PDB file of N, CA and C in Angstrom:
ATOM      1  N   MET A   1     -10.077  38.910  21.939  1.00  0.00           N
ATOM      2  CA  MET A   1      -8.915  38.517  22.696  1.00  0.00           C
ATOM      3  C   MET A   1      -7.868  37.959  21.742  1.00  0.00           C
ATOM      4  N   SER A   2      -6.671  38.430  21.867  1.00  0.00           N
ATOM      5  CA  SER A   2      -5.601  37.964  20.991  1.00  0.00           C
ATOM      6  C   SER A   2      -4.948  36.708  21.563  1.00  0.00           C
ATOM      7  N   GLU A   3      -4.273  35.976  20.696  1.00  0.00           N
ATOM      8  CA  GLU A   3      -3.613  34.754  21.137  1.00  0.00           C
ATOM      9  C   GLU A   3      -2.532  35.036  22.170  1.00  0.00           C
ATOM     10  N   SER A   4      -1.895  36.180  22.094  1.00  0.00           N
ATOM     11  CA  SER A   4      -0.827  36.495  23.042  1.00  0.00           C
ATOM     12  C   SER A   4      -1.366  36.729  24.453  1.00  0.00           C
ATOM     13  N   ALA A   5      -2.678  36.945  24.610  1.00  0.00           N
ATOM     14  CA  ALA A   5      -3.264  37.180  25.926  1.00  0.00           C
ATOM     15  C   ALA A   5      -3.581  35.872  26.650  1.00  0.00           C
ATOM     16  N   LEU A   6      -3.465  34.761  25.949  1.00  0.00           N
ATOM     17  CA  LEU A   6      -3.768  33.473  26.557  1.00  0.00           C
ATOM     18  C   LEU A   6      -2.509  32.834  27.117  1.00  0.00           C
ATOM     19  N   GLU A   7      -2.642  32.225  28.275  1.00  0.00           N
ATOM     20  CA  GLU A   7      -1.533  31.495  28.870  1.00  0.00           C
ATOM     21  C   GLU A   7      -1.917  30.028  28.944  1.00  0.00           C
ATOM     22  N   LEU A   8      -1.090  29.173  28.422  1.00  0.00           N
ATOM     23  CA  LEU A   8      -1.325  27.732  28.452  1.00  0.00           C
ATOM     24  C   LEU A   8      -0.688  27.163  29.711  1.00  0.00           C
ATOM     25  N   VAL A   9      -1.506  26.521  30.523  1.00  0.00           N
ATOM     26  CA  VAL A   9      -1.025  25.925  31.772  1.00  0.00           C
ATOM     27  C   VAL A   9      -1.288  24.430  31.714  1.00  0.00           C
ATOM     28  N   GLU A  10      -0.274  23.632  31.960  1.00  0.00           N
ATOM     29  CA  GLU A  10      -0.428  22.182  31.944  1.00  0.00           C
ATOM     30  C   GLU A  10      -1.005  21.722  33.279  1.00  0.00           C
ATOM     31  N   GLY A  11      -2.038  20.901  33.217  1.00  0.00           N
ATOM     32  CA  GLY A  11      -2.662  20.383  34.427  1.00  0.00           C
ATOM     33  C   GLY A  11      -1.875  19.236  35.017  1.00  0.00           C
ATOM     34  N   THR A  12      -2.275  18.839  36.209  1.00  0.00           N
ATOM     35  CA  THR A  12      -1.599  17.757  36.917  1.00  0.00           C
ATOM     36  C   THR A  12      -2.116  16.385  36.516  1.00  0.00           C
ATOM     37  N   GLY A  13      -3.255  16.357  35.815  1.00  0.00           N
ATOM     38  CA  GLY A  13      -3.920  15.092  35.528  1.00  0.00           C
ATOM     39  C   GLY A  13      -5.040  14.831  36.514  1.00  0.00           C
ATOM     40  N   ASN A  14      -5.166  15.701  37.505  1.00  0.00           N
ATOM     41  CA  ASN A  14      -6.228  15.616  38.504  1.00  0.00           C
ATOM     42  C   ASN A  14      -6.901  16.982  38.552  1.00  0.00           C
ATOM     43  N   VAL A  15      -8.049  17.092  37.903  1.00  0.00           N
ATOM     44  CA  VAL A  15      -8.733  18.383  37.810  1.00  0.00           C
ATOM     45  C   VAL A  15      -9.097  18.919  39.187  1.00  0.00           C
ATOM     46  N   PHE A  16      -9.385  18.042  40.130  1.00  0.00           N
ATOM     47  CA  PHE A  16      -9.732  18.481  41.473  1.00  0.00           C
ATOM     48  C   PHE A  16      -8.535  19.139  42.156  1.00  0.00           C
ATOM     49  N   ARG A  17      -7.345  18.586  41.954  1.00  0.00           N
ATOM     50  CA  ARG A  17      -6.128  19.194  42.502  1.00  0.00           C
ATOM     51  C   ARG A  17      -5.841  20.520  41.807  1.00  0.00           C
ATOM     52  N   ASP A  18      -6.057  20.563  40.502  1.00  0.00           N
ATOM     53  CA  ASP A  18      -5.833  21.803  39.766  1.00  0.00           C
ATOM     54  C   ASP A  18      -6.735  22.920  40.274  1.00  0.00           C
ATOM     55  N   LEU A  19      -7.914  22.550  40.774  1.00  0.00           N
ATOM     56  CA  LEU A  19      -8.862  23.536  41.309  1.00  0.00           C
ATOM     57  C   LEU A  19      -8.701  23.722  42.822  1.00  0.00           C
ATOM     58  N   CYS A  20      -7.619  23.170  43.373  1.00  0.00           N
ATOM     59  CA  CYS A  20      -7.268  23.318  44.798  1.00  0.00           C
ATOM     60  C   CYS A  20      -8.320  22.756  45.739  1.00  0.00           C
ATOM     61  N   ASP A  21      -8.964  21.684  45.341  1.00  0.00           N
ATOM     62  CA  ASP A  21      -9.944  21.028  46.199  1.00  0.00           C
ATOM     63  C   ASP A  21      -9.199  20.298  47.312  1.00  0.00           C
ATOM     64  N   PRO A  22      -9.594  20.480  48.577  1.00  0.00           N
ATOM     65  CA  PRO A  22      -8.882  19.813  49.668  1.00  0.00           C
ATOM     66  C   PRO A  22      -9.026  18.284  49.660  1.00  0.00           C
ATOM     67  N   GLU A  23     -10.024  17.755  48.984  1.00  0.00           N
ATOM     68  CA  GLU A  23     -10.217  16.305  48.869  1.00  0.00           C
ATOM     69  C   GLU A  23      -9.923  15.823  47.452  1.00  0.00           C
ATOM     70  N   ALA A  24      -8.972  16.461  46.806  1.00  0.00           N
ATOM     71  CA  ALA A  24      -8.705  16.222  45.386  1.00  0.00           C
ATOM     72  C   ALA A  24      -8.386  14.771  45.065  1.00  0.00           C
ATOM     73  N   ASP A  25      -7.508  14.162  45.819  1.00  0.00           N
ATOM     74  CA  ASP A  25      -7.095  12.793  45.491  1.00  0.00           C
ATOM     75  C   ASP A  25      -8.237  11.805  45.690  1.00  0.00           C
ATOM     76  N   LEU A  26      -9.009  11.978  46.749  1.00  0.00           N
ATOM     77  CA  LEU A  26     -10.154  11.103  46.992  1.00  0.00           C
ATOM     78  C   LEU A  26     -11.194  11.254  45.879  1.00  0.00           C
ATOM     79  N   LYS A  27     -11.516  12.482  45.517  1.00  0.00           N
ATOM     80  CA  LYS A  27     -12.504  12.714  44.459  1.00  0.00           C
ATOM     81  C   LYS A  27     -12.019  12.174  43.120  1.00  0.00           C
ATOM     82  N   HIS A  28     -10.734  12.301  42.864  1.00  0.00           N
ATOM     83  CA  HIS A  28     -10.169  11.793  41.608  1.00  0.00           C
ATOM     84  C   HIS A  28     -10.278  10.260  41.563  1.00  0.00           C
ATOM     85  N   ALA A  29      -9.950   9.608  42.669  1.00  0.00           N
ATOM     86  CA  ALA A  29     -10.040   8.146  42.728  1.00  0.00           C
ATOM     87  C   ALA A  29     -11.483   7.689  42.550  1.00  0.00           C
ATOM     88  N   LYS A  30     -12.425   8.379  43.192  1.00  0.00           N
ATOM     89  CA  LYS A  30     -13.843   8.038  43.036  1.00  0.00           C
ATOM     90  C   LYS A  30     -14.283   8.218  41.585  1.00  0.00           C
ATOM     91  N   ALA A  31     -13.838   9.278  40.947  1.00  0.00           N
ATOM     92  CA  ALA A  31     -14.216   9.539  39.556  1.00  0.00           C
ATOM     93  C   ALA A  31     -13.694   8.454  38.625  1.00  0.00           C
ATOM     94  N   ILE A  32     -12.478   7.986  38.873  1.00  0.00           N
ATOM     95  CA  ILE A  32     -11.909   6.918  38.046  1.00  0.00           C
ATOM     96  C   ILE A  32     -12.718   5.638  38.202  1.00  0.00           C
ATOM     97  N   LEU A  33     -13.059   5.288  39.440  1.00  0.00           N
ATOM     98  CA  LEU A  33     -13.858   4.083  39.676  1.00  0.00           C
ATOM     99  C   LEU A  33     -15.251   4.213  39.068  1.00  0.00           C
ATOM    100  N   ALA A  34     -15.871   5.385  39.230  1.00  0.00           N
ATOM    101  CA  ALA A  34     -17.204   5.601  38.660  1.00  0.00           C
ATOM    102  C   ALA A  34     -17.158   5.478  37.138  1.00  0.00           C
ATOM    103  N   ALA A  35     -16.126   6.029  36.524  1.00  0.00           N
ATOM    104  CA  ALA A  35     -15.993   5.933  35.067  1.00  0.00           C
ATOM    105  C   ALA A  35     -15.871   4.476  34.635  1.00  0.00           C
ATOM    106  N   ARG A  36     -15.143   3.685  35.407  1.00  0.00           N
ATOM    107  CA  ARG A  36     -14.994   2.264  35.065  1.00  0.00           C
ATOM    108  C   ARG A  36     -16.312   1.506  35.248  1.00  0.00           C
ATOM    109  N   ILE A  37     -17.063   1.871  36.288  1.00  0.00           N
ATOM    110  CA  ILE A  37     -18.383   1.261  36.491  1.00  0.00           C
ATOM    111  C   ILE A  37     -19.292   1.581  35.320  1.00  0.00           C
ATOM    112  N   ILE A  38     -19.321   2.833  34.910  1.00  0.00           N
ATOM    113  CA  ILE A  38     -20.162   3.254  33.788  1.00  0.00           C
ATOM    114  C   ILE A  38     -19.728   2.540  32.506  1.00  0.00           C
ATOM    115  N   MET A  39     -18.428   2.440  32.300  1.00  0.00           N
ATOM    116  CA  MET A  39     -17.918   1.748  31.109  1.00  0.00           C
ATOM    117  C   MET A  39     -18.354   0.281  31.117  1.00  0.00           C
ATOM    118  N   THR A  40     -18.301  -0.353  32.277  1.00  0.00           N
ATOM    119  CA  THR A  40     -18.703  -1.757  32.391  1.00  0.00           C
ATOM    120  C   THR A  40     -20.199  -1.909  32.119  1.00  0.00           C
ATOM    121  N   LEU A  41     -21.003  -1.007  32.669  1.00  0.00           N
ATOM    122  CA  LEU A  41     -22.446  -1.042  32.403  1.00  0.00           C
ATOM    123  C   LEU A  41     -22.723  -0.913  30.912  1.00  0.00           C
ATOM    124  N   ASP A  42     -22.040   0.037  30.278  1.00  0.00           N
ATOM    125  CA  ASP A  42     -22.249   0.274  28.847  1.00  0.00           C
ATOM    126  C   ASP A  42     -21.783  -0.911  28.003  1.00  0.00           C
ATOM    127  N   GLU A  43     -20.608  -1.450  28.335  1.00  0.00           N
ATOM    128  CA  GLU A  43     -20.081  -2.589  27.567  1.00  0.00           C
ATOM    129  C   GLU A  43     -21.007  -3.799  27.654  1.00  0.00           C
ATOM    130  N   ARG A  44     -21.618  -3.992  28.807  1.00  0.00           N
ATOM    131  CA  ARG A  44     -22.493  -5.153  29.004  1.00  0.00           C
ATOM    132  C   ARG A  44     -23.949  -4.850  28.671  1.00  0.00           C
ATOM    133  N   GLY A  45     -24.224  -3.605  28.305  1.00  0.00           N
ATOM    134  CA  GLY A  45     -25.587  -3.218  27.945  1.00  0.00           C
ATOM    135  C   GLY A  45     -26.556  -3.312  29.112  1.00  0.00           C
ATOM    136  N   LEU A  46     -26.085  -3.011  30.313  1.00  0.00           N
ATOM    137  CA  LEU A  46     -26.911  -3.152  31.505  1.00  0.00           C
ATOM    138  C   LEU A  46     -27.627  -1.851  31.860  1.00  0.00           C
ATOM    139  N   SER A  47     -28.917  -1.954  32.096  1.00  0.00           N
ATOM    140  CA  SER A  47     -29.663  -0.827  32.656  1.00  0.00           C
ATOM    141  C   SER A  47     -29.366  -0.779  34.144  1.00  0.00           C
ATOM    142  N   VAL A  48     -29.748   0.312  34.805  1.00  0.00           N
ATOM    143  CA  VAL A  48     -29.498   0.399  36.242  1.00  0.00           C
ATOM    144  C   VAL A  48     -30.292  -0.666  36.987  1.00  0.00           C
ATOM    145  N   ARG A  49     -31.488  -0.974  36.501  1.00  0.00           N
ATOM    146  CA  ARG A  49     -32.298  -2.016  37.150  1.00  0.00           C
ATOM    147  C   ARG A  49     -31.690  -3.405  36.974  1.00  0.00           C
ATOM    148  N   LYS A  50     -31.198  -3.691  35.792  1.00  0.00           N
ATOM    149  CA  LYS A  50     -30.576  -4.996  35.547  1.00  0.00           C
ATOM    150  C   LYS A  50     -29.291  -5.128  36.371  1.00  0.00           C
ATOM    151  N   ALA A  51     -28.513  -4.048  36.446  1.00  0.00           N
ATOM    152  CA  ALA A  51     -27.288  -4.064  37.250  1.00  0.00           C
ATOM    153  C   ALA A  51     -27.619  -4.285  38.721  1.00  0.00           C
ATOM    154  N   ALA A  52     -28.697  -3.673  39.183  1.00  0.00           N
ATOM    155  CA  ALA A  52     -29.122  -3.856  40.574  1.00  0.00           C
ATOM    156  C   ALA A  52     -29.497  -5.303  40.834  1.00  0.00           C
ATOM    157  N   THR A  53     -30.213  -5.903  39.908  1.00  0.00           N
ATOM    158  CA  THR A  53     -30.621  -7.305  40.051  1.00  0.00           C
ATOM    159  C   THR A  53     -29.397  -8.225  40.094  1.00  0.00           C
ATOM    160  N   LEU A  54     -28.420  -7.970  39.248  1.00  0.00           N
ATOM    161  CA  LEU A  54     -27.228  -8.817  39.164  1.00  0.00           C
ATOM    162  C   LEU A  54     -26.291  -8.672  40.363  1.00  0.00           C
ATOM    163  N   THR A  55     -26.240  -7.462  40.947  1.00  0.00           N
ATOM    164  CA  THR A  55     -25.227  -7.190  41.972  1.00  0.00           C
ATOM    165  C   THR A  55     -25.764  -7.106  43.394  1.00  0.00           C
ATOM    166  N   GLY A  56     -27.041  -6.815  43.544  1.00  0.00           N
ATOM    167  CA  GLY A  56     -27.589  -6.616  44.886  1.00  0.00           C
ATOM    168  C   GLY A  56     -27.484  -5.190  45.372  1.00  0.00           C
ATOM    169  N   PHE A  57     -26.837  -4.327  44.611  1.00  0.00           N
ATOM    170  CA  PHE A  57     -26.803  -2.899  44.935  1.00  0.00           C
ATOM    171  C   PHE A  57     -28.065  -2.251  44.386  1.00  0.00           C
ATOM    172  N   ALA A  58     -28.515  -1.175  44.993  1.00  0.00           N
ATOM    173  CA  ALA A  58     -29.745  -0.513  44.582  1.00  0.00           C
ATOM    174  C   ALA A  58     -29.601   0.130  43.209  1.00  0.00           C
ATOM    175  N   ALA A  59     -30.703   0.123  42.453  1.00  0.00           N
ATOM    176  CA  ALA A  59     -30.706   0.793  41.147  1.00  0.00           C
ATOM    177  C   ALA A  59     -30.391   2.276  41.322  1.00  0.00           C
ATOM    178  N   ALA A  60     -30.834   2.854  42.430  1.00  0.00           N
ATOM    179  CA  ALA A  60     -30.547   4.274  42.700  1.00  0.00           C
ATOM    180  C   ALA A  60     -29.044   4.525  42.811  1.00  0.00           C
ATOM    181  N   ASP A  61     -28.294   3.542  43.325  1.00  0.00           N
ATOM    182  CA  ASP A  61     -26.839   3.684  43.397  1.00  0.00           C
ATOM    183  C   ASP A  61     -26.244   3.808  42.000  1.00  0.00           C
ATOM    184  N   PHE A  62     -26.702   2.967  41.092  1.00  0.00           N
ATOM    185  CA  PHE A  62     -26.189   3.029  39.721  1.00  0.00           C
ATOM    186  C   PHE A  62     -26.605   4.327  39.023  1.00  0.00           C
ATOM    187  N   SER A  63     -27.797   4.813  39.329  1.00  0.00           N
ATOM    188  CA  SER A  63     -28.231   6.095  38.773  1.00  0.00           C
ATOM    189  C   SER A  63     -27.343   7.226  39.278  1.00  0.00           C
ATOM    190  N   ARG A  64     -27.036   7.207  40.566  1.00  0.00           N
ATOM    191  CA  ARG A  64     -26.154   8.249  41.129  1.00  0.00           C
ATOM    192  C   ARG A  64     -24.768   8.180  40.487  1.00  0.00           C
ATOM    193  N   ILE A  65     -24.262   6.988  40.299  1.00  0.00           N
ATOM    194  CA  ILE A  65     -22.947   6.843  39.676  1.00  0.00           C
ATOM    195  C   ILE A  65     -22.982   7.369  38.248  1.00  0.00           C
ATOM    196  N   ARG A  66     -24.004   7.006  37.495  1.00  0.00           N
ATOM    197  CA  ARG A  66     -24.127   7.496  36.108  1.00  0.00           C
ATOM    198  C   ARG A  66     -24.207   9.022  36.043  1.00  0.00           C
ATOM    199  N   ASN A  67     -24.789   9.643  37.072  1.00  0.00           N
ATOM    200  CA  ASN A  67     -24.938  11.097  37.106  1.00  0.00           C
ATOM    201  C   ASN A  67     -23.780  11.792  37.829  1.00  0.00           C
ATOM    202  N   ALA A  68     -22.724  11.030  38.137  1.00  0.00           N
ATOM    203  CA  ALA A  68     -21.534  11.555  38.825  1.00  0.00           C
ATOM    204  C   ALA A  68     -21.885  12.208  40.154  1.00  0.00           C
ATOM    205  N   ASN A  69     -22.905  11.679  40.810  1.00  0.00           N
ATOM    206  CA  ASN A  69     -23.304  12.142  42.137  1.00  0.00           C
ATOM    207  C   ASN A  69     -22.673  11.171  43.139  1.00  0.00           C
ATOM    208  N   LEU A  70     -21.408  11.397  43.451  1.00  0.00           N
ATOM    209  CA  LEU A  70     -20.625  10.413  44.190  1.00  0.00           C
ATOM    210  C   LEU A  70     -20.469  10.737  45.669  1.00  0.00           C
ATOM    211  N   GLY A  71     -21.119  11.779  46.138  1.00  0.00           N
ATOM    212  CA  GLY A  71     -20.973  12.213  47.523  1.00  0.00           C
ATOM    213  C   GLY A  71     -21.362  11.175  48.555  1.00  0.00           C
ATOM    214  N   ARG A  72     -22.317  10.315  48.248  1.00  0.00           N
ATOM    215  CA  ARG A  72     -22.772   9.290  49.189  1.00  0.00           C
ATOM    216  C   ARG A  72     -21.920   8.034  49.182  1.00  0.00           C
ATOM    217  N   PHE A  73     -20.954   7.976  48.285  1.00  0.00           N
ATOM    218  CA  PHE A  73     -20.147   6.761  48.134  1.00  0.00           C
ATOM    219  C   PHE A  73     -18.792   6.916  48.793  1.00  0.00           C
ATOM    220  N   THR A  74     -18.387   5.858  49.490  1.00  0.00           N
ATOM    221  CA  THR A  74     -17.002   5.780  49.947  1.00  0.00           C
ATOM    222  C   THR A  74     -16.203   5.102  48.848  1.00  0.00           C
ATOM    223  N   LEU A  75     -14.911   5.233  48.939  1.00  0.00           N
ATOM    224  CA  LEU A  75     -14.048   4.608  47.947  1.00  0.00           C
ATOM    225  C   LEU A  75     -14.210   3.091  47.957  1.00  0.00           C
ATOM    226  N   ASP A  76     -14.288   2.508  49.140  1.00  0.00           N
ATOM    227  CA  ASP A  76     -14.419   1.051  49.209  1.00  0.00           C
ATOM    228  C   ASP A  76     -15.767   0.581  48.678  1.00  0.00           C
ATOM    229  N   ARG A  77     -16.812   1.373  48.843  1.00  0.00           N
ATOM    230  CA  ARG A  77     -18.118   0.980  48.302  1.00  0.00           C
ATOM    231  C   ARG A  77     -18.098   0.970  46.769  1.00  0.00           C
ATOM    232  N   LEU A  78     -17.456   1.965  46.181  1.00  0.00           N
ATOM    233  CA  LEU A  78     -17.333   1.982  44.722  1.00  0.00           C
ATOM    234  C   LEU A  78     -16.523   0.776  44.233  1.00  0.00           C
ATOM    235  N   MET A  79     -15.497   0.409  44.990  1.00  0.00           N
ATOM    236  CA  MET A  79     -14.713  -0.780  44.631  1.00  0.00           C
ATOM    237  C   MET A  79     -15.579  -2.034  44.699  1.00  0.00           C
ATOM    238  N   LYS A  80     -16.441  -2.121  45.710  1.00  0.00           N
ATOM    239  CA  LYS A  80     -17.325  -3.281  45.843  1.00  0.00           C
ATOM    240  C   LYS A  80     -18.344  -3.339  44.712  1.00  0.00           C
ATOM    241  N   VAL A  81     -18.872  -2.184  44.305  1.00  0.00           N
ATOM    242  CA  VAL A  81     -19.811  -2.139  43.182  1.00  0.00           C
ATOM    243  C   VAL A  81     -19.114  -2.636  41.923  1.00  0.00           C
ATOM    244  N   LEU A  82     -17.918  -2.143  41.681  1.00  0.00           N
ATOM    245  CA  LEU A  82     -17.178  -2.546  40.489  1.00  0.00           C
ATOM    246  C   LEU A  82     -16.844  -4.034  40.527  1.00  0.00           C
ATOM    247  N   ALA A  83     -16.435  -4.535  41.665  1.00  0.00           N
ATOM    248  CA  ALA A  83     -16.124  -5.959  41.796  1.00  0.00           C
ATOM    249  C   ALA A  83     -17.366  -6.816  41.595  1.00  0.00           C
ATOM    250  N   ALA A  84     -18.527  -6.326  42.050  1.00  0.00           N
ATOM    251  CA  ALA A  84     -19.771  -7.074  41.859  1.00  0.00           C
ATOM    252  C   ALA A  84     -20.155  -7.134  40.384  1.00  0.00           C
ATOM    253  N   LEU A  85     -19.830  -6.096  39.631  1.00  0.00           N
ATOM    254  CA  LEU A  85     -20.125  -6.077  38.195  1.00  0.00           C
ATOM    255  C   LEU A  85     -19.165  -6.946  37.408  1.00  0.00           C
ATOM    256  N   ASP A  86     -17.912  -6.968  37.817  1.00  0.00           N
ATOM    257  CA  ASP A  86     -16.896  -7.699  37.067  1.00  0.00           C
ATOM    258  C   ASP A  86     -15.902  -8.317  38.047  1.00  0.00           C
ATOM    259  N   GLY A  87     -16.131  -9.556  38.405  1.00  0.00           N
ATOM    260  CA  GLY A  87     -15.278 -10.256  39.360  1.00  0.00           C
ATOM    261  C   GLY A  87     -13.885 -10.547  38.852  1.00  0.00           C
ATOM    262  N   ASN A  88     -13.639 -10.329  37.565  1.00  0.00           N
ATOM    263  CA  ASN A  88     -12.322 -10.589  36.990  1.00  0.00           C
ATOM    264  C   ASN A  88     -11.374  -9.408  37.096  1.00  0.00           C
ATOM    265  N   LEU A  89     -11.868  -8.281  37.625  1.00  0.00           N
ATOM    266  CA  LEU A  89     -11.023  -7.099  37.728  1.00  0.00           C
ATOM    267  C   LEU A  89     -10.144  -7.163  38.962  1.00  0.00           C
ATOM    268  N   GLN A  90      -8.977  -6.568  38.844  1.00  0.00           N
ATOM    269  CA  GLN A  90      -8.103  -6.378  39.987  1.00  0.00           C
ATOM    270  C   GLN A  90      -7.926  -4.884  40.151  1.00  0.00           C
ATOM    271  N   ILE A  91      -8.215  -4.370  41.335  1.00  0.00           N
ATOM    272  CA  ILE A  91      -8.090  -2.941  41.612  1.00  0.00           C
ATOM    273  C   ILE A  91      -6.834  -2.738  42.436  1.00  0.00           C
ATOM    274  N   THR A  92      -5.951  -1.873  41.960  1.00  0.00           N
ATOM    275  CA  THR A  92      -4.692  -1.598  42.626  1.00  0.00           C
ATOM    276  C   THR A  92      -4.600  -0.108  42.909  1.00  0.00           C
ATOM    277  N   VAL A  93      -4.177   0.238  44.107  1.00  0.00           N
ATOM    278  CA  VAL A  93      -3.998   1.637  44.485  1.00  0.00           C
ATOM    279  C   VAL A  93      -2.496   1.893  44.598  1.00  0.00           C
ATOM    280  N   HIS A  94      -2.009   2.905  43.874  1.00  0.00           N
ATOM    281  CA  HIS A  94      -0.604   3.293  43.931  1.00  0.00           C
ATOM    282  C   HIS A  94      -0.511   4.562  44.767  1.00  0.00           C
ATOM    283  N   VAL A  95       0.383   4.567  45.731  1.00  0.00           N
ATOM    284  CA  VAL A  95       0.568   5.731  46.591  1.00  0.00           C
ATOM    285  C   VAL A  95       2.012   6.184  46.463  1.00  0.00           C
ATOM    286  N   GLN A  96       2.188   7.467  46.203  1.00  0.00           N
ATOM    287  CA  GLN A  96       3.538   8.019  46.140  1.00  0.00           C
ATOM    288  C   GLN A  96       3.490   9.489  46.509  1.00  0.00           C
ATOM    289  N   ALA A  97       4.622  10.024  46.877  1.00  0.00           N
ATOM    290  CA  ALA A  97       4.704  11.413  47.297  1.00  0.00           C
ATOM    291  C   ALA A  97       4.392  12.345  46.131  1.00  0.00           C
ATOM    292  N   ARG A  98       3.750  13.457  46.453  1.00  0.00           N
ATOM    293  CA  ARG A  98       3.476  14.464  45.411  1.00  0.00           C
ATOM    294  C   ARG A  98       4.788  15.037  44.915  1.00  0.00           C
ATOM    295  N   GLY A  99       4.751  15.481  43.676  1.00  0.00           N
ATOM    296  CA  GLY A  99       5.947  16.065  43.100  1.00  0.00           C
ATOM    297  C   GLY A  99       6.786  15.056  42.338  1.00  0.00           C
ATOM    298  N   GLN A 100       6.441  13.784  42.439  1.00  0.00           N
ATOM    299  CA  GLN A 100       7.162  12.796  41.647  1.00  0.00           C
ATOM    300  C   GLN A 100       6.593  12.815  40.236  1.00  0.00           C
ATOM    301  N   ASN A 101       7.195  12.068  39.346  1.00  0.00           N
ATOM    302  CA  ASN A 101       6.830  12.114  37.923  1.00  0.00           C
ATOM    303  C   ASN A 101       5.369  11.814  37.657  1.00  0.00           C
ATOM    304  N   GLU A 102       4.794  10.857  38.353  1.00  0.00           N
ATOM    305  CA  GLU A 102       3.413  10.461  38.089  1.00  0.00           C
ATOM    306  C   GLU A 102       2.566  10.732  39.319  1.00  0.00           C
ATOM    307  N   PRO A 103       1.330  11.265  39.134  1.00  0.00           N
ATOM    308  CA  PRO A 103       0.448  11.488  40.284  1.00  0.00           C
ATOM    309  C   PRO A 103      -0.071  10.170  40.838  1.00  0.00           C
ATOM    310  N   ALA A 104      -0.518  10.201  42.103  1.00  0.00           N
ATOM    311  CA  ALA A 104      -1.134   9.025  42.685  1.00  0.00           C
ATOM    312  C   ALA A 104      -2.368   8.680  41.865  1.00  0.00           C
ATOM    313  N   MET A 105      -2.601   7.386  41.651  1.00  0.00           N
ATOM    314  CA  MET A 105      -3.725   6.993  40.809  1.00  0.00           C
ATOM    315  C   MET A 105      -4.283   5.653  41.230  1.00  0.00           C
ATOM    316  N   VAL A 106      -5.493   5.402  40.798  1.00  0.00           N
ATOM    317  CA  VAL A 106      -6.148   4.121  41.041  1.00  0.00           C
ATOM    318  C   VAL A 106      -6.360   3.480  39.694  1.00  0.00           C
ATOM    319  N   THR A 107      -5.978   2.205  39.550  1.00  0.00           N
ATOM    320  CA  THR A 107      -6.178   1.520  38.273  1.00  0.00           C
ATOM    321  C   THR A 107      -7.055   0.321  38.455  1.00  0.00           C
TER     322      THR A 107
END
């Protein structure tokens, strides 16, 4: 395949939207929260069992999050898990119309 046969397409920043998933924004928000949970676990050196003991959430929940198996989680449940791991975090949801400069995101 030659280089001229390739077309470079810039993504939206939301892979789920790029793949035309009807729940793209929800899945993207869940993925961001899950990534932050995993980062917090790694930074604190917590196993899923230790995280379960500290937070009261099941170790299986942390295993599912680590494996990106987020289908059983609501957005608010992921926020509660993250808040239980790190009470100093502030979670903010920005909502804006599509087509503006920045996509909707959760920080």
